[in-house]
PDB file of all heavy atoms in Angstrom:
ATOM      1  N   ARG A   1     -28.778 -38.887 -54.992  1.00  0.00           N
ATOM      2  CA  ARG A   1     -29.072 -38.892 -53.560  1.00  0.00           C
ATOM      3  C   ARG A   1     -30.488 -38.428 -53.218  1.00  0.00           C
ATOM      4  O   ARG A   1     -30.849 -38.382 -52.033  1.00  0.00           O
ATOM      5  CB  ARG A   1     -28.064 -37.987 -52.847  1.00  0.00           C
ATOM      6  CG  ARG A   1     -26.620 -38.455 -52.968  1.00  0.00           C
ATOM      7  CD  ARG A   1     -25.644 -37.400 -52.486  1.00  0.00           C
ATOM      8  NE  ARG A   1     -24.261 -37.805 -52.690  1.00  0.00           N
ATOM      9  CZ  ARG A   1     -23.523 -38.445 -51.783  1.00  0.00           C
ATOM     10  NH1 ARG A   1     -24.063 -38.736 -50.593  1.00  0.00           N
ATOM     11  NH2 ARG A   1     -22.286 -38.799 -52.039  1.00  0.00           N
ATOM     12  N   GLY A   2     -31.266 -38.060 -54.217  1.00  0.00           N
ATOM     13  CA  GLY A   2     -32.630 -37.629 -53.952  1.00  0.00           C
ATOM     14  C   GLY A   2     -32.719 -36.236 -53.341  1.00  0.00           C
ATOM     15  O   GLY A   2     -33.681 -35.924 -52.623  1.00  0.00           O
ATOM     16  N   GLN A   3     -31.746 -35.375 -53.629  1.00  0.00           N
ATOM     17  CA  GLN A   3     -31.759 -34.014 -53.100  1.00  0.00           C
ATOM     18  C   GLN A   3     -32.541 -33.098 -54.036  1.00  0.00           C
ATOM     19  O   GLN A   3     -32.491 -33.239 -55.257  1.00  0.00           O
ATOM     20  CB  GLN A   3     -30.322 -33.516 -52.917  1.00  0.00           C
ATOM     21  CG  GLN A   3     -29.535 -34.328 -51.896  1.00  0.00           C
ATOM     22  CD  GLN A   3     -28.053 -34.025 -51.909  1.00  0.00           C
ATOM     23  OE1 GLN A   3     -27.544 -33.353 -52.808  1.00  0.00           O
ATOM     24  NE2 GLN A   3     -27.337 -34.538 -50.916  1.00  0.00           N
ATOM     25  N   ARG A   4     -33.225 -32.116 -53.450  1.00  0.00           N
ATOM     26  CA  ARG A   4     -34.127 -31.247 -54.198  1.00  0.00           C
ATOM     27  C   ARG A   4     -33.387 -29.976 -54.641  1.00  0.00           C
ATOM     28  O   ARG A   4     -32.690 -29.355 -53.847  1.00  0.00           O
ATOM     29  CB  ARG A   4     -35.341 -30.876 -53.338  1.00  0.00           C
ATOM     30  CG  ARG A   4     -36.198 -32.075 -52.981  1.00  0.00           C
ATOM     31  CD  ARG A   4     -37.219 -31.741 -51.903  1.00  0.00           C
ATOM     32  NE  ARG A   4     -38.110 -30.657 -52.286  1.00  0.00           N
ATOM     33  CZ  ARG A   4     -39.176 -30.803 -53.041  1.00  0.00           C
ATOM     34  NH1 ARG A   4     -39.489 -32.010 -53.514  1.00  0.00           N
ATOM     35  NH2 ARG A   4     -39.958 -29.772 -53.321  1.00  0.00           N
ATOM     36  N   VAL A   5     -33.569 -29.612 -55.914  1.00  0.00           N
ATOM     37  CA  VAL A   5     -32.861 -28.451 -56.455  1.00  0.00           C
ATOM     38  C   VAL A   5     -33.851 -27.399 -56.951  1.00  0.00           C
ATOM     39  O   VAL A   5     -34.955 -27.717 -57.388  1.00  0.00           O
ATOM     40  CB  VAL A   5     -31.905 -28.868 -57.600  1.00  0.00           C
ATOM     41  CG1 VAL A   5     -30.918 -29.925 -57.122  1.00  0.00           C
ATOM     42  CG2 VAL A   5     -32.684 -29.379 -58.805  1.00  0.00           C
ATOM     43  N   TYR A   6     -33.401 -26.150 -56.884  1.00  0.00           N
ATOM     44  CA  TYR A   6     -34.217 -25.019 -57.359  1.00  0.00           C
ATOM     45  C   TYR A   6     -33.353 -24.187 -58.290  1.00  0.00           C
ATOM     46  O   TYR A   6     -32.197 -23.887 -57.976  1.00  0.00           O
ATOM     47  CB  TYR A   6     -34.684 -24.180 -56.165  1.00  0.00           C
ATOM     48  CG  TYR A   6     -35.819 -23.211 -56.484  1.00  0.00           C
ATOM     49  CD1 TYR A   6     -37.103 -23.460 -56.025  1.00  0.00           C
ATOM     50  CD2 TYR A   6     -35.601 -22.046 -57.224  1.00  0.00           C
ATOM     51  CE1 TYR A   6     -38.146 -22.576 -56.295  1.00  0.00           C
ATOM     52  CE2 TYR A   6     -36.628 -21.173 -57.513  1.00  0.00           C
ATOM     53  CZ  TYR A   6     -37.901 -21.437 -57.033  1.00  0.00           C
ATOM     54  OH  TYR A   6     -38.943 -20.566 -57.307  1.00  0.00           O
ATOM     55  N   PHE A   7     -33.922 -23.807 -59.436  1.00  0.00           N
ATOM     56  CA  PHE A   7     -33.214 -23.005 -60.423  1.00  0.00           C
ATOM     57  C   PHE A   7     -33.822 -21.605 -60.450  1.00  0.00           C
ATOM     58  O   PHE A   7     -35.013 -21.446 -60.744  1.00  0.00           O
ATOM     59  CB  PHE A   7     -33.319 -23.636 -61.813  1.00  0.00           C
ATOM     60  CG  PHE A   7     -32.731 -25.020 -61.906  1.00  0.00           C
ATOM     61  CD1 PHE A   7     -33.538 -26.140 -61.803  1.00  0.00           C
ATOM     62  CD2 PHE A   7     -31.367 -25.197 -62.098  1.00  0.00           C
ATOM     63  CE1 PHE A   7     -33.007 -27.421 -61.897  1.00  0.00           C
ATOM     64  CE2 PHE A   7     -30.827 -26.469 -62.198  1.00  0.00           C
ATOM     65  CZ  PHE A   7     -31.637 -27.584 -62.090  1.00  0.00           C
ATOM     66  N   LEU A   8     -32.996 -20.604 -60.181  1.00  0.00           N
ATOM     67  CA  LEU A   8     -33.461 -19.220 -60.162  1.00  0.00           C
ATOM     68  C   LEU A   8     -32.586 -18.404 -61.108  1.00  0.00           C
ATOM     69  O   LEU A   8     -31.388 -18.235 -60.866  1.00  0.00           O
ATOM     70  CB  LEU A   8     -33.373 -18.665 -58.734  1.00  0.00           C
ATOM     71  CG  LEU A   8     -33.719 -17.183 -58.535  1.00  0.00           C
ATOM     72  CD1 LEU A   8     -35.143 -16.877 -58.997  1.00  0.00           C
ATOM     73  CD2 LEU A   8     -33.544 -16.787 -57.065  1.00  0.00           C
ATOM     74  N   GLY A   9     -33.196 -17.918 -62.205  1.00  0.00           N
ATOM     75  CA  GLY A   9     -32.422 -17.113 -63.134  1.00  0.00           C
ATOM     76  C   GLY A   9     -32.834 -17.315 -64.574  1.00  0.00           C
ATOM     77  O   GLY A   9     -33.728 -18.122 -64.880  1.00  0.00           O
ATOM     78  N   ALA A  10     -32.211 -16.550 -65.468  1.00  0.00           N
ATOM     79  CA  ALA A  10     -32.433 -16.603 -66.911  1.00  0.00           C
ATOM     80  C   ALA A  10     -33.860 -16.174 -67.276  1.00  0.00           C
ATOM     81  O   ALA A  10     -34.636 -15.720 -66.427  1.00  0.00           O
ATOM     82  CB  ALA A  10     -32.130 -17.995 -67.465  1.00  0.00           C
ATOM     83  N   ARG A  11     -34.208 -16.323 -68.555  1.00  0.00           N
ATOM     84  CA  ARG A  11     -35.552 -16.010 -69.032  1.00  0.00           C
ATOM     85  C   ARG A  11     -36.397 -17.271 -68.986  1.00  0.00           C
ATOM     86  O   ARG A  11     -35.876 -18.388 -68.959  1.00  0.00           O
ATOM     87  CB  ARG A  11     -35.500 -15.479 -70.469  1.00  0.00           C
ATOM     88  CG  ARG A  11     -34.594 -14.281 -70.670  1.00  0.00           C
ATOM     89  CD  ARG A  11     -34.713 -13.721 -72.088  1.00  0.00           C
ATOM     90  NE  ARG A  11     -34.612 -14.756 -73.115  1.00  0.00           N
ATOM     91  CZ  ARG A  11     -33.466 -15.205 -73.622  1.00  0.00           C
ATOM     92  NH1 ARG A  11     -32.307 -14.732 -73.173  1.00  0.00           N
ATOM     93  NH2 ARG A  11     -33.459 -16.128 -74.561  1.00  0.00           N
ATOM     94  N   ASP A  12     -37.710 -17.096 -69.007  1.00  0.00           N
ATOM     95  CA  ASP A  12     -38.613 -18.250 -68.917  1.00  0.00           C
ATOM     96  C   ASP A  12     -38.358 -19.251 -70.035  1.00  0.00           C
ATOM     97  O   ASP A  12     -38.345 -20.466 -69.798  1.00  0.00           O
ATOM     98  CB  ASP A  12     -40.073 -17.785 -68.961  1.00  0.00           C
ATOM     99  CG  ASP A  12     -40.514 -17.133 -67.654  1.00  0.00           C
ATOM    100  OD1 ASP A  12     -40.055 -17.579 -66.587  1.00  0.00           O
ATOM    101  OD2 ASP A  12     -41.298 -16.173 -67.711  1.00  0.00           O
ATOM    102  N   ALA A  13     -38.150 -18.764 -71.261  1.00  0.00           N
ATOM    103  CA  ALA A  13     -37.929 -19.670 -72.392  1.00  0.00           C
ATOM    104  C   ALA A  13     -36.647 -20.465 -72.202  1.00  0.00           C
ATOM    105  O   ALA A  13     -36.596 -21.674 -72.497  1.00  0.00           O
ATOM    106  CB  ALA A  13     -37.873 -18.881 -73.699  1.00  0.00           C
ATOM    107  N   VAL A  14     -35.600 -19.816 -71.705  1.00  0.00           N
ATOM    108  CA  VAL A  14     -34.330 -20.495 -71.443  1.00  0.00           C
ATOM    109  C   VAL A  14     -34.516 -21.523 -70.326  1.00  0.00           C
ATOM    110  O   VAL A  14     -34.002 -22.647 -70.412  1.00  0.00           O
ATOM    111  CB  VAL A  14     -33.239 -19.480 -71.071  1.00  0.00           C
ATOM    112  CG1 VAL A  14     -31.968 -20.190 -70.601  1.00  0.00           C
ATOM    113  CG2 VAL A  14     -32.925 -18.586 -72.264  1.00  0.00           C
ATOM    114  N   LEU A  15     -35.239 -21.131 -69.300  1.00  0.00           N
ATOM    115  CA  LEU A  15     -35.489 -22.061 -68.187  1.00  0.00           C
ATOM    116  C   LEU A  15     -36.178 -23.330 -68.671  1.00  0.00           C
ATOM    117  O   LEU A  15     -35.811 -24.435 -68.264  1.00  0.00           O
ATOM    118  CB  LEU A  15     -36.363 -21.390 -67.124  1.00  0.00           C
ATOM    119  CG  LEU A  15     -35.669 -20.668 -65.972  1.00  0.00           C
ATOM    120  CD1 LEU A  15     -36.719 -20.092 -65.027  1.00  0.00           C
ATOM    121  CD2 LEU A  15     -34.737 -21.595 -65.208  1.00  0.00           C
ATOM    122  N   ARG A  16     -37.174 -23.182 -69.516  1.00  0.00           N
ATOM    123  CA  ARG A  16     -37.904 -24.358 -70.008  1.00  0.00           C
ATOM    124  C   ARG A  16     -36.978 -25.301 -70.761  1.00  0.00           C
ATOM    125  O   ARG A  16     -37.017 -26.522 -70.554  1.00  0.00           O
ATOM    126  CB  ARG A  16     -39.077 -23.918 -70.900  1.00  0.00           C
ATOM    127  CG  ARG A  16     -40.246 -23.318 -70.135  1.00  0.00           C
ATOM    128  CD  ARG A  16     -41.479 -23.214 -71.026  1.00  0.00           C
ATOM    129  NE  ARG A  16     -41.275 -22.277 -72.131  1.00  0.00           N
ATOM    130  CZ  ARG A  16     -41.530 -20.977 -72.081  1.00  0.00           C
ATOM    131  NH1 ARG A  16     -41.994 -20.437 -70.961  1.00  0.00           N
ATOM    132  NH2 ARG A  16     -41.339 -20.205 -73.135  1.00  0.00           N
ATOM    133  N   ARG A  17     -36.149 -24.745 -71.650  1.00  0.00           N
ATOM    134  CA  ARG A  17     -35.231 -25.587 -72.411  1.00  0.00           C
ATOM    135  C   ARG A  17     -34.171 -26.206 -71.500  1.00  0.00           C
ATOM    136  O   ARG A  17     -33.788 -27.365 -71.674  1.00  0.00           O
ATOM    137  CB  ARG A  17     -34.575 -24.771 -73.532  1.00  0.00           C
ATOM    138  CG  ARG A  17     -35.520 -24.443 -74.676  1.00  0.00           C
ATOM    139  CD  ARG A  17     -34.775 -23.911 -75.884  1.00  0.00           C
ATOM    140  NE  ARG A  17     -34.270 -22.561 -75.654  1.00  0.00           N
ATOM    141  CZ  ARG A  17     -34.972 -21.448 -75.874  1.00  0.00           C
ATOM    142  NH1 ARG A  17     -36.212 -21.528 -76.305  1.00  0.00           N
ATOM    143  NH2 ARG A  17     -34.426 -20.268 -75.665  1.00  0.00           N
ATOM    144  N   MET A  18     -33.706 -25.439 -70.540  1.00  0.00           N
ATOM    145  CA  MET A  18     -32.701 -25.954 -69.601  1.00  0.00           C
ATOM    146  C   MET A  18     -33.272 -27.084 -68.755  1.00  0.00           C
ATOM    147  O   MET A  18     -32.624 -28.118 -68.558  1.00  0.00           O
ATOM    148  CB  MET A  18     -32.197 -24.819 -68.709  1.00  0.00           C
ATOM    149  CG  MET A  18     -31.052 -25.199 -67.781  1.00  0.00           C
ATOM    150  SD  MET A  18     -31.625 -25.812 -66.180  1.00  0.00           S
ATOM    151  CE  MET A  18     -32.392 -24.347 -65.528  1.00  0.00           C
ATOM    152  N   LEU A  19     -34.506 -26.919 -68.278  1.00  0.00           N
ATOM    153  CA  LEU A  19     -35.130 -27.960 -67.459  1.00  0.00           C
ATOM    154  C   LEU A  19     -35.341 -29.236 -68.265  1.00  0.00           C
ATOM    155  O   LEU A  19     -35.186 -30.347 -67.734  1.00  0.00           O
ATOM    156  CB  LEU A  19     -36.465 -27.457 -66.898  1.00  0.00           C
ATOM    157  CG  LEU A  19     -36.359 -26.391 -65.804  1.00  0.00           C
ATOM    158  CD1 LEU A  19     -37.735 -25.805 -65.494  1.00  0.00           C
ATOM    159  CD2 LEU A  19     -35.744 -26.989 -64.536  1.00  0.00           C
ATOM    160  N   ALA A  20     -35.683 -29.101 -69.535  1.00  0.00           N
ATOM    161  CA  ALA A  20     -35.851 -30.271 -70.392  1.00  0.00           C
ATOM    162  C   ALA A  20     -34.521 -31.004 -70.554  1.00  0.00           C
ATOM    163  O   ALA A  20     -34.466 -32.244 -70.497  1.00  0.00           O
ATOM    164  CB  ALA A  20     -36.406 -29.858 -71.750  1.00  0.00           C
ATOM    165  N   GLU A  21     -33.437 -30.247 -70.744  1.00  0.00           N
ATOM    166  CA  GLU A  21     -32.115 -30.859 -70.902  1.00  0.00           C
ATOM    167  C   GLU A  21     -31.649 -31.506 -69.601  1.00  0.00           C
ATOM    168  O   GLU A  21     -31.094 -32.609 -69.611  1.00  0.00           O
ATOM    169  CB  GLU A  21     -31.111 -29.803 -71.360  1.00  0.00           C
ATOM    170  CG  GLU A  21     -29.671 -30.286 -71.467  1.00  0.00           C
ATOM    171  CD  GLU A  21     -29.479 -31.397 -72.485  1.00  0.00           C
ATOM    172  OE1 GLU A  21     -30.374 -31.592 -73.344  1.00  0.00           O
ATOM    173  OE2 GLU A  21     -28.429 -32.065 -72.431  1.00  0.00           O
ATOM    174  N   VAL A  22     -31.874 -30.835 -68.484  1.00  0.00           N
ATOM    175  CA  VAL A  22     -31.499 -31.388 -67.176  1.00  0.00           C
ATOM    176  C   VAL A  22     -32.268 -32.673 -66.904  1.00  0.00           C
ATOM    177  O   VAL A  22     -31.715 -33.657 -66.398  1.00  0.00           O
ATOM    178  CB  VAL A  22     -31.746 -30.339 -66.070  1.00  0.00           C
ATOM    179  CG1 VAL A  22     -31.717 -30.987 -64.691  1.00  0.00           C
ATOM    180  CG2 VAL A  22     -30.703 -29.236 -66.144  1.00  0.00           C
ATOM    181  N   GLY A  23     -33.562 -32.678 -67.256  1.00  0.00           N
ATOM    182  CA  GLY A  23     -34.363 -33.885 -67.069  1.00  0.00           C
ATOM    183  C   GLY A  23     -33.866 -35.042 -67.915  1.00  0.00           C
ATOM    184  O   GLY A  23     -33.908 -36.200 -67.492  1.00  0.00           O
ATOM    185  N   ARG A  24     -33.366 -34.715 -69.116  1.00  0.00           N
ATOM    186  CA  ARG A  24     -32.827 -35.751 -69.996  1.00  0.00           C
ATOM    187  C   ARG A  24     -31.515 -36.308 -69.448  1.00  0.00           C
ATOM    188  O   ARG A  24     -31.291 -37.520 -69.459  1.00  0.00           O
ATOM    189  CB  ARG A  24     -32.611 -35.178 -71.399  1.00  0.00           C
ATOM    190  CG  ARG A  24     -32.141 -36.203 -72.427  1.00  0.00           C
ATOM    191  CD  ARG A  24     -31.750 -35.538 -73.728  1.00  0.00           C
ATOM    192  NE  ARG A  24     -30.538 -34.729 -73.589  1.00  0.00           N
ATOM    193  CZ  ARG A  24     -29.308 -35.244 -73.576  1.00  0.00           C
ATOM    194  NH1 ARG A  24     -29.119 -36.559 -73.667  1.00  0.00           N
ATOM    195  NH2 ARG A  24     -28.262 -34.447 -73.463  1.00  0.00           N
ATOM    196  N   ARG A  25     -30.649 -35.409 -68.947  1.00  0.00           N
ATOM    197  CA  ARG A  25     -29.338 -35.832 -68.458  1.00  0.00           C
ATOM    198  C   ARG A  25     -29.405 -36.552 -67.115  1.00  0.00           C
ATOM    199  O   ARG A  25     -28.620 -37.465 -66.856  1.00  0.00           O
ATOM    200  CB  ARG A  25     -28.411 -34.621 -68.305  1.00  0.00           C
ATOM    201  CG  ARG A  25     -27.963 -33.959 -69.579  1.00  0.00           C
ATOM    202  CD  ARG A  25     -26.816 -33.001 -69.257  1.00  0.00           C
ATOM    203  NE  ARG A  25     -26.496 -32.115 -70.367  1.00  0.00           N
ATOM    204  CZ  ARG A  25     -25.449 -31.310 -70.377  1.00  0.00           C
ATOM    205  NH1 ARG A  25     -24.627 -31.265 -69.336  1.00  0.00           N
ATOM    206  NH2 ARG A  25     -25.215 -30.520 -71.405  1.00  0.00           N
ATOM    207  N   TYR A  26     -30.325 -36.111 -66.271  1.00  0.00           N
ATOM    208  CA  TYR A  26     -30.351 -36.618 -64.891  1.00  0.00           C
ATOM    209  C   TYR A  26     -31.755 -37.126 -64.547  1.00  0.00           C
ATOM    210  O   TYR A  26     -32.512 -36.463 -63.826  1.00  0.00           O
ATOM    211  CB  TYR A  26     -29.935 -35.520 -63.908  1.00  0.00           C
ATOM    212  CG  TYR A  26     -28.653 -34.830 -64.301  1.00  0.00           C
ATOM    213  CD1 TYR A  26     -28.674 -33.550 -64.865  1.00  0.00           C
ATOM    214  CD2 TYR A  26     -27.419 -35.456 -64.136  1.00  0.00           C
ATOM    215  CE1 TYR A  26     -27.504 -32.915 -65.250  1.00  0.00           C
ATOM    216  CE2 TYR A  26     -26.241 -34.835 -64.524  1.00  0.00           C
ATOM    217  CZ  TYR A  26     -26.290 -33.560 -65.086  1.00  0.00           C
ATOM    218  OH  TYR A  26     -25.129 -32.945 -65.465  1.00  0.00           O
ATOM    219  N   PRO A  27     -32.112 -38.282 -65.088  1.00  0.00           N
ATOM    220  CA  PRO A  27     -33.436 -38.835 -64.798  1.00  0.00           C
ATOM    221  C   PRO A  27     -33.622 -39.005 -63.287  1.00  0.00           C
ATOM    222  O   PRO A  27     -32.727 -39.436 -62.578  1.00  0.00           O
ATOM    223  CB  PRO A  27     -33.404 -40.198 -65.503  1.00  0.00           C
ATOM    224  CG  PRO A  27     -32.323 -40.075 -66.528  1.00  0.00           C
ATOM    225  CD  PRO A  27     -31.295 -39.158 -65.937  1.00  0.00           C
ATOM    226  N   GLY A  28     -34.785 -38.644 -62.821  1.00  0.00           N
ATOM    227  CA  GLY A  28     -35.067 -38.792 -61.401  1.00  0.00           C
ATOM    228  C   GLY A  28     -34.681 -37.590 -60.555  1.00  0.00           C
ATOM    229  O   GLY A  28     -34.942 -37.563 -59.349  1.00  0.00           O
ATOM    230  N   LEU A  29     -34.043 -36.582 -61.166  1.00  0.00           N
ATOM    231  CA  LEU A  29     -33.669 -35.387 -60.409  1.00  0.00           C
ATOM    232  C   LEU A  29     -34.934 -34.705 -59.889  1.00  0.00           C
ATOM    233  O   LEU A  29     -35.880 -34.471 -60.631  1.00  0.00           O
ATOM    234  CB  LEU A  29     -32.895 -34.414 -61.302  1.00  0.00           C
ATOM    235  CG  LEU A  29     -32.479 -33.090 -60.644  1.00  0.00           C
ATOM    236  CD1 LEU A  29     -31.417 -33.333 -59.577  1.00  0.00           C
ATOM    237  CD2 LEU A  29     -31.972 -32.105 -61.692  1.00  0.00           C
ATOM    238  N   GLN A  30     -34.946 -34.386 -58.612  1.00  0.00           N
ATOM    239  CA  GLN A  30     -36.098 -33.739 -57.991  1.00  0.00           C
ATOM    240  C   GLN A  30     -35.951 -32.223 -58.100  1.00  0.00           C
ATOM    241  O   GLN A  30     -35.151 -31.625 -57.389  1.00  0.00           O
ATOM    242  CB  GLN A  30     -36.218 -34.154 -56.522  1.00  0.00           C
ATOM    243  CG  GLN A  30     -36.495 -35.630 -56.314  1.00  0.00           C
ATOM    244  CD  GLN A  30     -36.758 -35.958 -54.858  1.00  0.00           C
ATOM    245  OE1 GLN A  30     -37.426 -35.212 -54.148  1.00  0.00           O
ATOM    246  NE2 GLN A  30     -36.231 -37.088 -54.410  1.00  0.00           N
ATOM    247  N   VAL A  31     -36.720 -31.637 -59.016  1.00  0.00           N
ATOM    248  CA  VAL A  31     -36.697 -30.190 -59.203  1.00  0.00           C
ATOM    249  C   VAL A  31     -37.763 -29.585 -58.291  1.00  0.00           C
ATOM    250  O   VAL A  31     -38.963 -29.743 -58.515  1.00  0.00           O
ATOM    251  CB  VAL A  31     -36.953 -29.813 -60.668  1.00  0.00           C
ATOM    252  CG1 VAL A  31     -36.987 -28.294 -60.825  1.00  0.00           C
ATOM    253  CG2 VAL A  31     -35.872 -30.415 -61.563  1.00  0.00           C
ATOM    254  N   ALA A  32     -37.293 -28.886 -57.254  1.00  0.00           N
ATOM    255  CA  ALA A  32     -38.214 -28.292 -56.291  1.00  0.00           C
ATOM    256  C   ALA A  32     -38.969 -27.118 -56.904  1.00  0.00           C
ATOM    257  O   ALA A  32     -40.106 -26.825 -56.519  1.00  0.00           O
ATOM    258  CB  ALA A  32     -37.445 -27.836 -55.053  1.00  0.00           C
ATOM    259  N   GLY A  33     -38.329 -26.429 -57.856  1.00  0.00           N
ATOM    260  CA  GLY A  33     -38.981 -25.299 -58.495  1.00  0.00           C
ATOM    261  C   GLY A  33     -38.018 -24.555 -59.397  1.00  0.00           C
ATOM    262  O   GLY A  33     -36.818 -24.830 -59.430  1.00  0.00           O
ATOM    263  N   ALA A  34     -38.567 -23.591 -60.132  1.00  0.00           N
ATOM    264  CA  ALA A  34     -37.749 -22.775 -61.033  1.00  0.00           C
ATOM    265  C   ALA A  34     -38.462 -21.446 -61.236  1.00  0.00           C
ATOM    266  O   ALA A  34     -39.702 -21.380 -61.268  1.00  0.00           O
ATOM    267  CB  ALA A  34     -37.539 -23.481 -62.361  1.00  0.00           C
ATOM    268  N   ARG A  35     -37.653 -20.402 -61.377  1.00  0.00           N
ATOM    269  CA  ARG A  35     -38.207 -19.059 -61.606  1.00  0.00           C
ATOM    270  C   ARG A  35     -37.203 -18.246 -62.402  1.00  0.00           C
ATOM    271  O   ARG A  35     -36.003 -18.406 -62.243  1.00  0.00           O
ATOM    272  CB  ARG A  35     -38.476 -18.355 -60.276  1.00  0.00           C
ATOM    273  CG  ARG A  35     -39.250 -17.037 -60.421  1.00  0.00           C
ATOM    274  CD  ARG A  35     -39.039 -16.121 -59.234  1.00  0.00           C
ATOM    275  NE  ARG A  35     -39.933 -14.970 -59.276  1.00  0.00           N
ATOM    276  CZ  ARG A  35     -39.771 -13.889 -60.046  1.00  0.00           C
ATOM    277  NH1 ARG A  35     -38.713 -13.836 -60.854  1.00  0.00           N
ATOM    278  NH2 ARG A  35     -40.631 -12.892 -60.019  1.00  0.00           N
ATOM    279  N   ASN A  36     -37.708 -17.354 -63.249  1.00  0.00           N
ATOM    280  CA  ASN A  36     -36.799 -16.504 -64.016  1.00  0.00           C
ATOM    281  C   ASN A  36     -36.078 -15.533 -63.083  1.00  0.00           C
ATOM    282  O   ASN A  36     -36.490 -15.314 -61.941  1.00  0.00           O
ATOM    283  CB  ASN A  36     -37.543 -15.759 -65.127  1.00  0.00           C
ATOM    284  CG  ASN A  36     -38.497 -14.713 -64.587  1.00  0.00           C
ATOM    285  OD1 ASN A  36     -38.112 -13.778 -63.894  1.00  0.00           O
ATOM    286  ND2 ASN A  36     -39.780 -14.858 -64.917  1.00  0.00           N
ATOM    287  N   GLY A  37     -35.006 -14.942 -63.580  1.00  0.00           N
ATOM    288  CA  GLY A  37     -34.187 -14.070 -62.741  1.00  0.00           C
ATOM    289  C   GLY A  37     -34.530 -12.608 -62.853  1.00  0.00           C
ATOM    290  O   GLY A  37     -33.754 -11.758 -62.388  1.00  0.00           O
ATOM    291  N   TYR A  38     -35.670 -12.286 -63.432  1.00  0.00           N
ATOM    292  CA  TYR A  38     -36.049 -10.897 -63.640  1.00  0.00           C
ATOM    293  C   TYR A  38     -37.024 -10.447 -62.554  1.00  0.00           C
ATOM    294  O   TYR A  38     -38.244 -10.535 -62.707  1.00  0.00           O
ATOM    295  CB  TYR A  38     -36.630 -10.717 -65.047  1.00  0.00           C
ATOM    296  CG  TYR A  38     -35.590 -10.970 -66.103  1.00  0.00           C
ATOM    297  CD1 TYR A  38     -35.362 -12.262 -66.589  1.00  0.00           C
ATOM    298  CD2 TYR A  38     -34.786  -9.939 -66.581  1.00  0.00           C
ATOM    299  CE1 TYR A  38     -34.378 -12.509 -67.532  1.00  0.00           C
ATOM    300  CE2 TYR A  38     -33.802 -10.181 -67.532  1.00  0.00           C
ATOM    301  CZ  TYR A  38     -33.607 -11.458 -67.998  1.00  0.00           C
ATOM    302  OH  TYR A  38     -32.625 -11.709 -68.932  1.00  0.00           O
ATOM    303  N   PHE A  39     -36.459 -10.000 -61.457  1.00  0.00           N
ATOM    304  CA  PHE A  39     -37.277  -9.485 -60.351  1.00  0.00           C
ATOM    305  C   PHE A  39     -36.549  -8.297 -59.738  1.00  0.00           C
ATOM    306  O   PHE A  39     -35.325  -8.184 -59.805  1.00  0.00           O
ATOM    307  CB  PHE A  39     -37.533 -10.572 -59.303  1.00  0.00           C
ATOM    308  CG  PHE A  39     -36.287 -11.216 -58.740  1.00  0.00           C
ATOM    309  CD1 PHE A  39     -35.646 -10.684 -57.622  1.00  0.00           C
ATOM    310  CD2 PHE A  39     -35.752 -12.361 -59.326  1.00  0.00           C
ATOM    311  CE1 PHE A  39     -34.507 -11.283 -57.105  1.00  0.00           C
ATOM    312  CE2 PHE A  39     -34.603 -12.959 -58.813  1.00  0.00           C
ATOM    313  CZ  PHE A  39     -33.974 -12.416 -57.697  1.00  0.00           C
ATOM    314  N   SER A  40     -37.316  -7.421 -59.144  1.00  0.00           N
ATOM    315  CA  SER A  40     -36.752  -6.206 -58.551  1.00  0.00           C
ATOM    316  C   SER A  40     -36.238  -6.487 -57.147  1.00  0.00           C
ATOM    317  O   SER A  40     -36.513  -7.541 -56.553  1.00  0.00           O
ATOM    318  CB  SER A  40     -37.825  -5.116 -58.490  1.00  0.00           C
ATOM    319  OG  SER A  40     -38.856  -5.497 -57.572  1.00  0.00           O
ATOM    320  N   ALA A  41     -35.501  -5.524 -56.606  1.00  0.00           N
ATOM    321  CA  ALA A  41     -35.004  -5.655 -55.236  1.00  0.00           C
ATOM    322  C   ALA A  41     -36.157  -5.788 -54.262  1.00  0.00           C
ATOM    323  O   ALA A  41     -36.064  -6.527 -53.270  1.00  0.00           O
ATOM    324  CB  ALA A  41     -34.141  -4.444 -54.883  1.00  0.00           C
ATOM    325  N   GLY A  42     -37.257  -5.103 -54.551  1.00  0.00           N
ATOM    326  CA  GLY A  42     -38.415  -5.186 -53.671  1.00  0.00           C
ATOM    327  C   GLY A  42     -39.092  -6.549 -53.694  1.00  0.00           C
ATOM    328  O   GLY A  42     -39.776  -6.916 -52.730  1.00  0.00           O
ATOM    329  N   GLU A  43     -38.923  -7.272 -54.793  1.00  0.00           N
ATOM    330  CA  GLU A  43     -39.527  -8.607 -54.917  1.00  0.00           C
ATOM    331  C   GLU A  43     -38.650  -9.702 -54.341  1.00  0.00           C
ATOM    332  O   GLU A  43     -39.095 -10.837 -54.183  1.00  0.00           O
ATOM    333  CB  GLU A  43     -39.813  -8.916 -56.386  1.00  0.00           C
ATOM    334  CG  GLU A  43     -40.852  -8.018 -57.027  1.00  0.00           C
ATOM    335  CD  GLU A  43     -40.954  -8.237 -58.529  1.00  0.00           C
ATOM    336  OE1 GLU A  43     -39.898  -8.205 -59.191  1.00  0.00           O
ATOM    337  OE2 GLU A  43     -42.081  -8.451 -59.015  1.00  0.00           O
TER     338      GLU A  43
END
C-alpha cells in the first residue's frame, strides 16, 4: 500500500541485518527511518 514504516529498537548491527532482510522480503517497502533502542528517558 505504500505506507511508511519506522523501526526503533535493537542494536545498530542487528538493525542493519534486519533492514537488509526486510528489504529482501518486501521489495518496495518504504522505510521512513530506523534507530537503535538504546536511549535514555531524557532522550
